[in-house]
Amino acid sequence: MAEAKKASAAQPDTHDYSEAETRDYFIDLLLKEAGWALDQPRDREYAVSGMPNTPGKGFVDYVLWGDDGRPPSRHTWPTRLSKGVSLRPRTC
């Protein structure tokens, strides 16, 4: 394992992914693998209020709906996935 980490560190990631590419190549794929279909128009670019701008309105990239048809909770999606972040669907 140490050798693999060393080899990985020796080859830095030089990709400069756009936001759309990051979604397509990583986030969408990971969410789908975790069981989130994201196949409804309401699942992406969902209008919300309470944003930190003058009108207080904006859009969230994704909404992960609970079994009751409501979002289980509201979170700002991290720009980069952190250790311990779970993408598994939750039931509330």
Foldseek 3Di string as FASTA:
>chain_A
DVVVVVVDVVDDDPDDDDPVRCCVVPVVVQLVVLPQPCPDPCQAQHWDACDPDDVRIGTAGGARAAPVRHGPDDDRDDPDDDPPDDSHDDHD
